[in-house]
Amino acid sequence: HTVGSAVAEIAEVEAVERLTERVITGLTNTATRSLTHSVSLTLATALSGSRRDKTACYMCQKYSMQCEACYNGGPASITQQVNYYASYYSNYFSTYFLDPTASVYERKKK
């Protein structure tokens, strides 16, 4: 080995480590955000309103029946609110939990 080849090997190892770190951080960021958004929106939609409320609103929209039993604003309004809050809180919590998760790689490296 020459000095030049040793320097090249060191540079290559450092470049691979930096690239690996960036890929892991990027994948962690993307996976955390997408999973958080998917789960929170699914749960929020499933848990919003009772089955009776949803049935009453469907009957009101489709047949103009049971409208007095449909909650204020109807299902479209509730869906908009659920989507808004699910998106807001999933952004908040994914950002909150993302920093410690991304730094795990740093702790292992040391």
Protein backbone atom coordinates (compact mmCIF):
# COMPACT_ATOMS: atom_id res chain seq x y z
CA HIS A 1 0.00 0.00 0.00
CA THR A 2 1.09 3.49 -0.77
CA VAL A 3 0.19 6.60 1.17
CA GLY A 4 -2.08 7.69 -1.67
CA SER A 5 -4.06 4.44 -1.67
CA ALA A 6 -4.38 4.53 2.15
CA VAL A 7 -5.76 8.07 1.98
CA ALA A 8 -8.15 7.03 -0.78
CA GLU A 9 -9.40 4.08 1.32
CA ILE A 10 -9.98 6.32 4.33
CA ALA A 11 -11.82 8.86 2.19
CA GLU A 12 -13.96 6.10 0.71
CA VAL A 13 -14.86 4.69 4.13
CA GLU A 14 -15.78 8.16 5.42
CA ALA A 15 -17.88 8.85 2.31
CA VAL A 16 -19.75 5.57 2.74
CA GLU A 17 -20.39 6.31 6.42
CA ARG A 18 -21.73 9.80 5.61
CA LEU A 19 -23.92 8.43 2.83
CA THR A 20 -25.24 5.66 5.08
CA GLU A 21 -26.06 8.19 7.78
CA ARG A 22 -27.94 10.43 5.33
CA VAL A 23 -29.90 7.50 3.89
CA ILE A 24 -30.85 6.18 7.33
CA THR A 25 -31.87 9.64 8.52
CA GLY A 26 -33.91 10.25 5.35
CA LEU A 27 -35.65 6.88 5.53
CA THR A 28 -36.39 7.31 9.22
CA ASN A 29 -37.83 10.76 8.57
CA THR A 30 -40.01 9.60 5.69
CA ALA A 31 -41.20 6.39 7.35
CA THR A 32 -42.01 8.11 10.64
CA ARG A 33 -44.01 10.87 9.01
CA SER A 34 -45.92 8.64 6.59
CA LEU A 35 -46.74 6.04 9.22
CA THR A 36 -47.84 8.68 11.73
CA HIS A 37 -50.10 10.37 9.16
CA SER A 38 -51.62 7.08 8.01
CA VAL A 39 -52.34 5.73 11.45
CA SER A 40 -53.62 8.97 12.96
CA LEU A 41 -55.97 9.74 10.09
CA THR A 42 -57.30 6.18 10.01
CA LEU A 43 -57.90 6.11 13.76
CA ALA A 44 -59.42 9.60 13.86
CA THR A 45 -61.82 8.78 11.03
CA ALA A 46 -62.80 5.45 12.55
CA LEU A 47 -63.42 6.96 15.98
CA SER A 48 -65.24 10.13 14.89
CA GLY A 49 -68.98 10.07 15.35
CA SER A 50 -71.13 7.13 16.25
CA ARG A 51 -72.56 4.66 13.77
CA ARG A 52 -76.02 6.07 14.49
CA ASP A 53 -74.83 9.60 13.67
CA LYS A 54 -73.23 8.46 10.44
CA THR A 55 -76.36 6.53 9.45
CA ALA A 56 -78.59 9.53 10.23
CA CYS A 57 -76.40 11.84 8.14
CA TYR A 58 -76.35 9.36 5.27
CA MET A 59 -80.15 9.08 5.36
CA CYS A 60 -80.43 12.88 5.51
CA GLN A 61 -78.15 13.40 2.52
CA LYS A 62 -79.55 10.57 0.42
CA TYR A 63 -83.27 10.60 1.30
CA SER A 64 -83.81 13.84 3.30
CA MET A 65 -84.87 11.74 6.29
CA GLN A 66 -83.61 11.77 9.91
CA CYS A 67 -81.92 15.13 9.34
CA GLU A 68 -82.70 16.23 12.91
CA ALA A 69 -80.56 13.31 14.18
CA CYS A 70 -77.60 14.27 12.03
CA TYR A 71 -74.96 16.21 13.99
CA ASN A 72 -74.24 19.87 13.18
CA GLY A 73 -72.71 20.44 9.79
CA GLY A 74 -73.16 16.89 8.57
CA PRO A 75 -70.51 14.33 7.77
CA ALA A 76 -68.56 16.59 5.39
CA SER A 77 -67.98 19.14 8.16
CA ILE A 78 -66.93 16.47 10.65
CA THR A 79 -64.64 14.85 8.09
CA GLN A 80 -62.95 18.18 7.39
CA GLN A 81 -62.43 18.78 11.10
CA VAL A 82 -61.11 15.25 11.67
CA ASN A 83 -58.71 15.58 8.72
CA TYR A 84 -57.48 18.96 9.93
CA TYR A 85 -56.80 17.87 13.51
CA ALA A 86 -55.39 14.48 12.52
CA SER A 87 -52.99 16.20 10.14
CA TYR A 88 -52.04 18.87 12.67
CA TYR A 89 -51.31 16.45 15.50
CA SER A 90 -49.59 13.87 13.31
CA ASN A 91 -47.26 16.64 12.07
CA TYR A 92 -46.63 17.77 15.62
CA PHE A 93 -45.92 14.34 17.08
CA SER A 94 -43.93 13.01 14.13
CA THR A 95 -41.67 16.07 14.39
CA TYR A 96 -41.44 15.68 18.17
CA PHE A 97 -40.48 12.01 18.01
CA LEU A 98 -38.38 12.24 14.87
CA ASP A 99 -35.39 14.04 16.40
CA PRO A 100 -34.66 11.43 19.10
CA THR A 101 -35.22 8.63 16.57
CA ALA A 102 -32.84 10.14 14.03
CA SER A 103 -30.15 10.64 16.65
CA VAL A 104 -30.06 6.92 17.56
CA TYR A 105 -27.66 6.37 14.68
CA GLU A 106 -25.35 9.03 16.09
CA ARG A 107 -25.30 7.39 19.52
CA LYS A 108 -24.44 3.98 18.06
CA LYS A 109 -21.61 5.46 16.01
CA LYS A 110 -19.78 6.87 19.05
